[in-house]
Amino acid sequence: MFSRRKFLQVGSLGLGSFSLAGFAPKYAGKKPIVLSTWDAGIRANKAAWNVLKNNGRALDAVEQGVIVTENEMNCCVGLGANPDRDGFVTLDASIMDENANCGSVACLERIKHPISVARKVMENTPHVMLVGQGAQQFALSQGFTLEKEGLSEGAEREYKKWLQKSEYKPAINRENKENRPNNQDELAAINSSNSMIAAPARLSDGSWNHDTIGMIALDANGNLSGSCTTSGMGFKMRGRVGDSPIIGAGLFVDNEVGAVVATGQGEDIIRIGGAHTVMEFMRQGLSPEMACKKAIERLLKVKGSKAKEIQACMIAINKEGIYGGYALQKGFNFAVCYADDKNILVDSKFLI
């Protein structure tokens, strides 16, 4: 006998079925698996996969993976990357494991592998983040080598181009009394002609000027970890820090739910607590792709008409090994590896 209670239960499921779109499907994903941002992730994934396929820990995989990119000569990661507007390369990185342990560094100079320093912060200090000179001092105390000063050939070339276009001329010893503005008019002139010069949204080759290598992994034991490393926005103001070293913005891991990493315009990812926002959508039952989309939609709402001027992207995996990503604009891709012969580049879906 089909009771009234049964009828109501079936009816409520039917009415609610429309709202289930985008919720994580109940089937097994890939395990182990590693994801990383941009096409550089293909090479980084290979190193991470060598750890994962041998029953290694996800934490080791995400460290070894992004070290590959830190070693490469590129615009946006490692010591060979573009400098800030005063000509210094400053590095940011973060790492997080399955036990909610995390570490990060920001504005780190002359240290080759900031991701490994971030791990040492996590494992060997009571802190989460070290910055600037303090981060460098800590790195040296942990056995890291102080690399020589100067820019790579490519970065030097790009920096000279930027100086010509921006006409930025740093004032020497501005802190000295004789170099300080005499009145509000002089101060306003300095601010408008100097301090307010913005880093370009795109580099000379047309690529976005804020790429990172972000990596998340699920190992054979079902544990998650993530990492993120970057030189930040090329020609940024000295001391600028984006989302990459900020736990909950550029990176977040919850071993009961999933792992998330972000790339793009760091200031705006910070504004929505990007990685943590994606995580909370997944906790509510959304699939990784839909959770990333919801976070990007929130960012779009915040930015409004200015959204077309930036790029922001998220990738995520959940506890079952289901993965997904979403971007604000077309052009983002991410690398996925879950077997020796399955290291693929995925073009991300996008909003605008």
Protein backbone atom coordinates (compact mmCIF):
# COMPACT_ATOMS: atom_id res chain seq x y z
CA MET A 1 0.00 0.00 0.00
CA PHE A 2 1.46 3.33 -1.06
CA SER A 3 0.97 5.42 2.08
CA ARG A 4 0.49 9.18 2.25
CA ARG A 5 3.86 9.45 4.04
CA LYS A 6 5.62 7.61 1.21
CA PHE A 7 3.87 9.82 -1.33
CA LEU A 8 5.04 12.97 0.45
CA GLN A 9 8.62 11.65 0.68
CA VAL A 10 8.76 10.84 -3.02
CA GLY A 11 7.08 14.12 -3.88
CA SER A 12 9.58 16.13 -1.85
CA LEU A 13 12.49 14.35 -3.53
CA GLY A 14 11.05 15.13 -6.91
CA LEU A 15 10.55 18.79 -6.15
CA GLY A 16 14.02 19.05 -4.72
CA SER A 17 15.76 17.31 -7.57
CA PHE A 18 16.30 20.57 -9.41
CA SER A 19 18.33 21.96 -6.50
CA LEU A 20 20.68 18.96 -6.52
CA ALA A 21 22.37 20.03 -9.74
CA GLY A 22 26.05 20.61 -9.07
CA PHE A 23 26.17 18.49 -5.94
CA ALA A 24 29.00 15.99 -5.79
CA PRO A 25 28.02 12.74 -7.50
CA LYS A 26 28.15 9.59 -5.41
CA TYR A 27 30.81 7.70 -7.34
CA ALA A 28 34.48 7.13 -6.83
CA GLY A 29 36.88 9.66 -8.28
CA LYS A 30 40.60 9.19 -8.85
CA LYS A 31 43.02 8.26 -6.08
CA PRO A 32 45.84 9.10 -5.88
CA ILE A 33 45.55 12.28 -7.92
CA VAL A 34 47.33 15.62 -8.25
CA LEU A 35 46.14 18.90 -9.77
CA SER A 36 48.12 22.05 -10.48
CA THR A 37 47.51 25.41 -12.10
CA TRP A 38 48.44 26.40 -15.65
CA ASP A 39 50.39 24.42 -18.27
CA ALA A 40 53.55 24.48 -16.14
CA GLY A 41 51.60 22.06 -13.98
CA ILE A 42 52.20 19.26 -16.47
CA ARG A 43 55.90 19.23 -15.60
CA ALA A 44 55.27 19.82 -11.90
CA ASN A 45 52.73 16.99 -11.80
CA LYS A 46 55.32 14.49 -13.03
CA ALA A 47 57.46 15.05 -9.96
CA ALA A 48 54.43 14.92 -7.67
CA TRP A 49 53.16 11.75 -9.31
CA ASN A 50 56.50 10.01 -8.72
CA VAL A 51 55.82 10.47 -5.01
CA LEU A 52 52.15 9.51 -5.12
CA LYS A 53 52.48 6.36 -7.25
CA ASN A 54 54.96 4.94 -4.74
CA ASN A 55 52.44 5.31 -1.91
CA GLY A 56 54.03 8.60 -0.84
CA ARG A 57 52.43 11.28 1.25
CA ALA A 58 50.45 14.05 -0.45
CA LEU A 59 52.46 16.65 1.48
CA ASP A 60 55.73 15.42 -0.01
CA ALA A 61 54.15 15.32 -3.46
CA VAL A 62 52.96 18.93 -3.42
CA GLU A 63 56.34 20.15 -2.20
CA GLN A 64 58.39 18.20 -4.73
CA GLY A 65 55.99 19.10 -7.52
CA VAL A 66 56.17 22.87 -7.24
CA ILE A 67 59.93 22.80 -6.68
CA VAL A 68 60.12 21.88 -10.37
CA THR A 69 58.54 25.22 -11.30
CA GLU A 70 60.65 27.14 -8.79
CA ASN A 71 63.71 25.76 -10.61
CA GLU A 72 62.50 26.86 -14.04
CA MET A 73 63.12 30.24 -15.61
CA ASN A 74 59.72 31.89 -15.95
CA CYS A 75 57.94 35.18 -15.35
CA CYS A 76 56.09 34.42 -12.20
CA VAL A 77 57.63 31.74 -9.98
CA GLY A 78 61.10 31.44 -8.46
CA LEU A 79 64.17 33.64 -8.38
CA GLY A 80 64.28 33.99 -12.17
CA ALA A 81 60.92 35.76 -12.23
CA ASN A 82 60.05 39.41 -12.76
CA PRO A 83 60.96 41.77 -9.90
CA ASP A 84 58.98 44.35 -7.99
CA ARG A 85 59.09 47.92 -9.27
CA ASP A 86 62.27 48.62 -7.31
CA GLY A 87 64.08 45.75 -9.03
CA PHE A 88 63.94 43.07 -6.32
CA VAL A 89 62.52 39.56 -6.72
CA THR A 90 60.41 38.69 -3.69
CA LEU A 91 58.86 35.27 -3.25
CA ASP A 92 55.72 34.04 -1.48
CA ALA A 93 54.71 30.45 -0.72
CA SER A 94 52.38 28.38 1.44
CA ILE A 95 51.84 24.72 2.25
CA MET A 96 49.19 22.82 4.22
CA ASP A 97 48.84 19.17 5.21
CA GLU A 98 46.06 16.75 6.15
CA ASN A 99 46.20 17.69 9.83
CA ALA A 100 45.57 21.41 9.26
CA ASN A 101 49.23 22.16 9.85
CA CYS A 102 50.34 25.04 7.63
CA GLY A 103 53.25 27.34 6.98
CA SER A 104 54.00 30.24 4.70
CA VAL A 105 56.56 32.88 3.78
CA ALA A 106 56.14 36.26 2.11
CA CYS A 107 58.52 38.83 0.64
CA LEU A 108 61.34 36.30 0.86
CA GLU A 109 64.48 37.31 -1.06
CA ARG A 110 67.46 35.35 -2.40
CA ILE A 111 66.23 31.91 -1.29
CA LYS A 112 65.74 29.43 -4.10
CA HIS A 113 62.89 27.28 -2.75
CA PRO A 114 60.35 29.28 -0.74
CA ILE A 115 57.96 26.29 -0.64
CA SER A 116 60.50 24.30 1.36
CA VAL A 117 61.04 27.24 3.70
CA ALA A 118 57.27 27.41 4.19
CA ARG A 119 57.29 23.73 5.14
CA LYS A 120 60.06 24.37 7.66
CA VAL A 121 57.96 27.19 9.15
CA MET A 122 55.12 24.70 9.50
CA GLU A 123 57.22 21.96 11.02
CA ASN A 124 59.88 23.80 13.04
CA THR A 125 58.19 26.91 14.43
CA PRO A 126 55.03 27.70 16.43
CA HIS A 127 54.05 30.18 13.70
CA VAL A 128 52.22 30.02 10.40
CA MET A 129 53.80 32.93 8.47
CA LEU A 130 57.23 34.57 8.39
CA VAL A 131 57.97 37.55 6.16
CA GLY A 132 60.81 39.59 4.74
CA GLN A 133 64.14 39.67 6.51
CA GLY A 134 62.85 37.44 9.29
CA ALA A 135 61.85 34.77 6.79
CA GLN A 136 65.27 34.97 5.18
CA GLN A 137 67.06 34.70 8.53
CA PHE A 138 64.97 31.66 9.40
CA ALA A 139 65.74 30.04 6.04
CA LEU A 140 69.46 30.49 6.59
CA SER A 141 69.16 28.99 10.07
CA GLN A 142 67.54 25.94 8.48
CA GLY A 143 70.42 25.40 6.07
CA PHE A 144 69.15 27.18 2.97
CA THR A 145 71.69 29.03 0.83
CA LEU A 146 71.62 32.76 0.21
CA GLU A 147 71.67 33.12 -3.57
CA LYS A 148 73.44 35.97 -5.37
CA GLU A 149 71.65 39.24 -6.00
CA GLY A 150 70.49 40.31 -9.43
CA LEU A 151 67.92 39.47 -12.06
CA SER A 152 67.76 36.72 -14.63
CA GLU A 153 68.37 37.75 -18.23
CA GLY A 154 64.68 37.60 -19.10
CA ALA A 155 63.60 39.47 -16.00
CA GLU A 156 66.20 42.18 -16.58
CA ARG A 157 64.90 42.68 -20.11
CA GLU A 158 61.27 42.89 -18.99
CA TYR A 159 62.12 45.22 -16.13
CA LYS A 160 63.88 47.68 -18.45
CA LYS A 161 60.85 47.64 -20.75
CA TRP A 162 58.57 48.34 -17.84
CA LEU A 163 60.73 51.20 -16.56
CA GLN A 164 60.59 52.91 -19.95
CA LYS A 165 56.83 52.65 -20.18
CA SER A 166 56.01 53.48 -16.59
CA GLU A 167 58.59 56.25 -16.24
CA TYR A 168 58.94 55.18 -12.64
CA LYS A 169 62.03 56.63 -10.97
CA PRO A 170 62.42 55.57 -7.35
CA ALA A 171 63.47 58.43 -5.09
CA ILE A 172 66.75 57.74 -3.33
CA ASN A 173 66.65 57.96 0.46
CA ARG A 174 63.12 59.31 0.46
CA GLU A 175 63.06 58.83 4.23
CA ASN A 176 65.66 61.60 4.66
CA LYS A 177 64.24 64.95 5.68
CA GLU A 178 65.53 66.79 2.62
CA ASN A 179 63.66 64.38 0.34
CA ARG A 180 60.30 64.71 2.07
CA PRO A 181 57.53 66.82 0.50
CA ASN A 182 57.26 70.36 1.84
CA ASN A 183 53.50 70.60 1.56
CA GLN A 184 50.33 68.73 0.64
CA ASP A 185 50.59 69.72 -3.03
CA GLU A 186 54.03 68.15 -3.33
CA LEU A 187 52.81 65.06 -1.51
CA ALA A 188 49.83 64.74 -3.87
CA ALA A 189 52.14 65.08 -6.88
CA ILE A 190 54.40 62.31 -5.59
CA ASN A 191 51.44 60.04 -4.92
CA SER A 192 49.91 60.56 -8.34
CA SER A 193 53.12 60.25 -10.36
CA ASN A 194 54.93 57.62 -8.37
CA SER A 195 53.21 55.62 -5.65
CA MET A 196 50.04 55.09 -7.64
CA ILE A 197 51.75 53.52 -10.64
CA ALA A 198 50.09 50.14 -11.01
CA ALA A 199 51.60 46.89 -12.13
CA PRO A 200 50.26 45.98 -15.57
CA ALA A 201 47.38 43.51 -15.72
CA ARG A 202 49.17 41.66 -18.52
CA LEU A 203 52.82 41.16 -19.34
CA SER A 204 54.40 42.11 -22.65
CA ASP A 205 53.62 38.67 -24.13
CA GLY A 206 49.93 39.07 -23.28
CA SER A 207 49.88 36.62 -20.36
CA TRP A 208 48.26 37.56 -17.06
CA ASN A 209 50.67 39.21 -14.64
CA HIS A 210 49.97 37.11 -11.57
CA ASP A 211 50.39 33.45 -12.38
CA THR A 212 51.43 31.01 -9.69
CA ILE A 213 52.01 27.30 -9.44
CA GLY A 214 49.39 25.99 -7.06
CA MET A 215 49.11 22.26 -6.42
CA ILE A 216 46.71 20.00 -4.51
CA ALA A 217 46.92 16.25 -4.08
CA LEU A 218 45.07 13.25 -2.67
CA ASP A 219 47.30 10.29 -1.83
CA ALA A 220 46.61 6.55 -1.78
CA ASN A 221 45.86 6.71 1.94
CA GLY A 222 43.09 9.23 1.35
CA ASN A 223 44.97 12.21 2.76
CA LEU A 224 45.05 15.68 1.18
CA SER A 225 47.66 18.43 1.02
CA GLY A 226 48.31 21.58 -0.98
CA SER A 227 51.01 24.07 -1.89
CA CYS A 228 51.35 27.40 -3.65
CA THR A 229 54.44 29.36 -4.71
CA THR A 230 54.90 32.60 -6.65
CA SER A 231 57.02 35.67 -7.19
CA GLY A 232 53.80 37.66 -7.08
CA MET A 233 52.76 40.35 -9.48
CA GLY A 234 55.63 41.59 -11.63
CA PHE A 235 56.56 45.26 -11.01
CA LYS A 236 54.34 45.38 -7.92
CA MET A 237 54.89 47.94 -5.18
CA ARG A 238 57.68 46.92 -2.85
CA GLY A 239 56.25 44.83 -0.04
CA ARG A 240 53.07 43.83 -1.88
CA VAL A 241 51.73 40.40 -0.94
CA GLY A 242 48.91 38.62 -2.75
CA ASP A 243 46.77 35.64 -1.84
CA SER A 244 49.31 32.86 -2.41
CA PRO A 245 50.89 32.75 1.08
CA ILE A 246 47.62 33.42 2.89
CA ILE A 247 45.96 30.30 4.24
CA GLY A 248 42.25 30.47 3.42
CA ALA A 249 42.77 32.81 0.47
CA GLY A 250 45.27 31.21 -1.90
CA LEU A 251 45.25 27.75 -0.33
CA PHE A 252 43.12 25.68 2.02
CA VAL A 253 42.97 22.00 2.96
CA ASP A 254 40.38 20.21 5.08
CA ASN A 255 41.04 16.48 5.17
CA GLU A 256 37.38 15.72 5.78
CA VAL A 257 36.27 17.67 2.71
CA GLY A 258 38.92 18.51 0.10
CA ALA A 259 41.71 20.82 -1.02
CA VAL A 260 41.60 24.11 -2.92
CA VAL A 261 44.17 26.42 -4.49
CA ALA A 262 43.73 29.73 -6.29
CA THR A 263 45.58 31.78 -8.88
CA GLY A 264 44.99 35.19 -10.38
CA GLN A 265 44.46 38.66 -8.98
CA GLY A 266 45.47 38.10 -5.38
CA GLU A 267 43.86 41.20 -3.93
CA ASP A 268 40.43 40.10 -5.15
CA ILE A 269 40.87 36.47 -4.15
CA ILE A 270 41.70 37.73 -0.65
CA ARG A 271 38.51 39.85 -0.64
CA ILE A 272 36.33 36.74 -0.87
CA GLY A 273 38.55 34.39 1.16
CA GLY A 274 38.74 32.41 -2.06
CA ALA A 275 40.07 28.97 -1.11
CA HIS A 276 38.09 28.79 2.11
CA THR A 277 34.93 29.92 0.34
CA VAL A 278 35.28 27.07 -2.16
CA MET A 279 35.87 24.67 0.73
CA GLU A 280 32.69 25.70 2.49
CA PHE A 281 30.67 25.22 -0.70
CA MET A 282 32.12 21.70 -0.98
CA ARG A 283 31.29 21.07 2.68
CA GLN A 284 27.68 21.85 1.81
CA GLY A 285 27.81 19.08 -0.79
CA LEU A 286 28.65 20.92 -3.99
CA SER A 287 31.00 19.27 -6.47
CA PRO A 288 34.48 20.81 -6.75
CA GLU A 289 33.64 22.41 -10.08
CA MET A 290 30.38 23.92 -8.86
CA ALA A 291 32.02 25.09 -5.62
CA CYS A 292 34.72 26.88 -7.62
CA LYS A 293 32.07 28.42 -9.86
CA LYS A 294 30.09 29.72 -6.88
CA ALA A 295 33.20 31.37 -5.45
CA ILE A 296 34.04 32.99 -8.78
CA GLU A 297 30.45 34.23 -9.05
CA ARG A 298 30.88 35.87 -5.67
CA LEU A 299 34.04 37.57 -6.86
CA LEU A 300 32.26 38.76 -10.00
CA LYS A 301 29.53 40.29 -7.86
CA VAL A 302 32.14 42.11 -5.77
CA LYS A 303 34.07 43.45 -8.78
CA GLY A 304 31.11 44.31 -10.98
CA SER A 305 32.10 46.06 -14.21
CA LYS A 306 35.78 46.01 -13.22
CA ALA A 307 35.86 42.21 -13.39
CA LYS A 308 36.81 42.29 -17.08
CA GLU A 309 40.16 43.84 -16.07
CA ILE A 310 41.32 40.87 -13.98
CA GLN A 311 41.62 37.10 -13.94
CA ALA A 312 40.89 34.80 -11.00
CA CYS A 313 40.79 31.01 -10.99
CA MET A 314 40.21 28.15 -8.55
CA ILE A 315 40.86 24.41 -8.66
CA ALA A 316 39.69 21.83 -6.12
CA ILE A 317 39.52 18.13 -5.33
CA ASN A 318 37.26 16.49 -2.80
CA LYS A 319 37.79 13.55 -0.48
CA GLU A 320 36.58 11.13 -3.14
CA GLY A 321 39.12 12.31 -5.71
CA ILE A 322 36.60 14.20 -7.83
CA TYR A 323 38.14 17.37 -9.23
CA GLY A 324 37.11 20.59 -10.92
CA GLY A 325 38.00 24.19 -11.56
CA TYR A 326 36.55 27.49 -12.70
CA ALA A 327 37.86 30.84 -13.89
CA LEU A 328 36.55 34.35 -14.17
CA GLN A 329 37.73 34.72 -17.78
CA LYS A 330 38.67 32.46 -20.67
CA GLY A 331 42.27 31.30 -20.91
CA PHE A 332 42.89 29.42 -17.66
CA ASN A 333 43.88 25.77 -17.72
CA PHE A 334 45.00 23.28 -15.12
CA ALA A 335 46.91 20.01 -15.14
CA VAL A 336 45.51 16.73 -13.78
CA CYS A 337 47.54 13.56 -13.21
CA TYR A 338 46.27 10.23 -11.88
CA ALA A 339 48.42 7.67 -13.74
CA ASP A 340 51.76 7.41 -15.54
CA ASP A 341 49.98 7.99 -18.85
CA LYS A 342 47.26 10.31 -17.53
CA ASN A 343 48.81 13.75 -17.08
CA ILE A 344 46.44 16.01 -18.97
CA LEU A 345 45.78 19.70 -19.40
CA VAL A 346 42.18 20.77 -18.87
CA ASP A 347 40.74 24.02 -20.24
CA SER A 348 38.76 25.56 -17.44
CA LYS A 349 35.17 26.71 -17.72
CA PHE A 350 34.72 30.44 -17.17
CA LEU A 351 32.11 33.09 -16.39
CA ILE A 352 32.80 36.06 -18.66
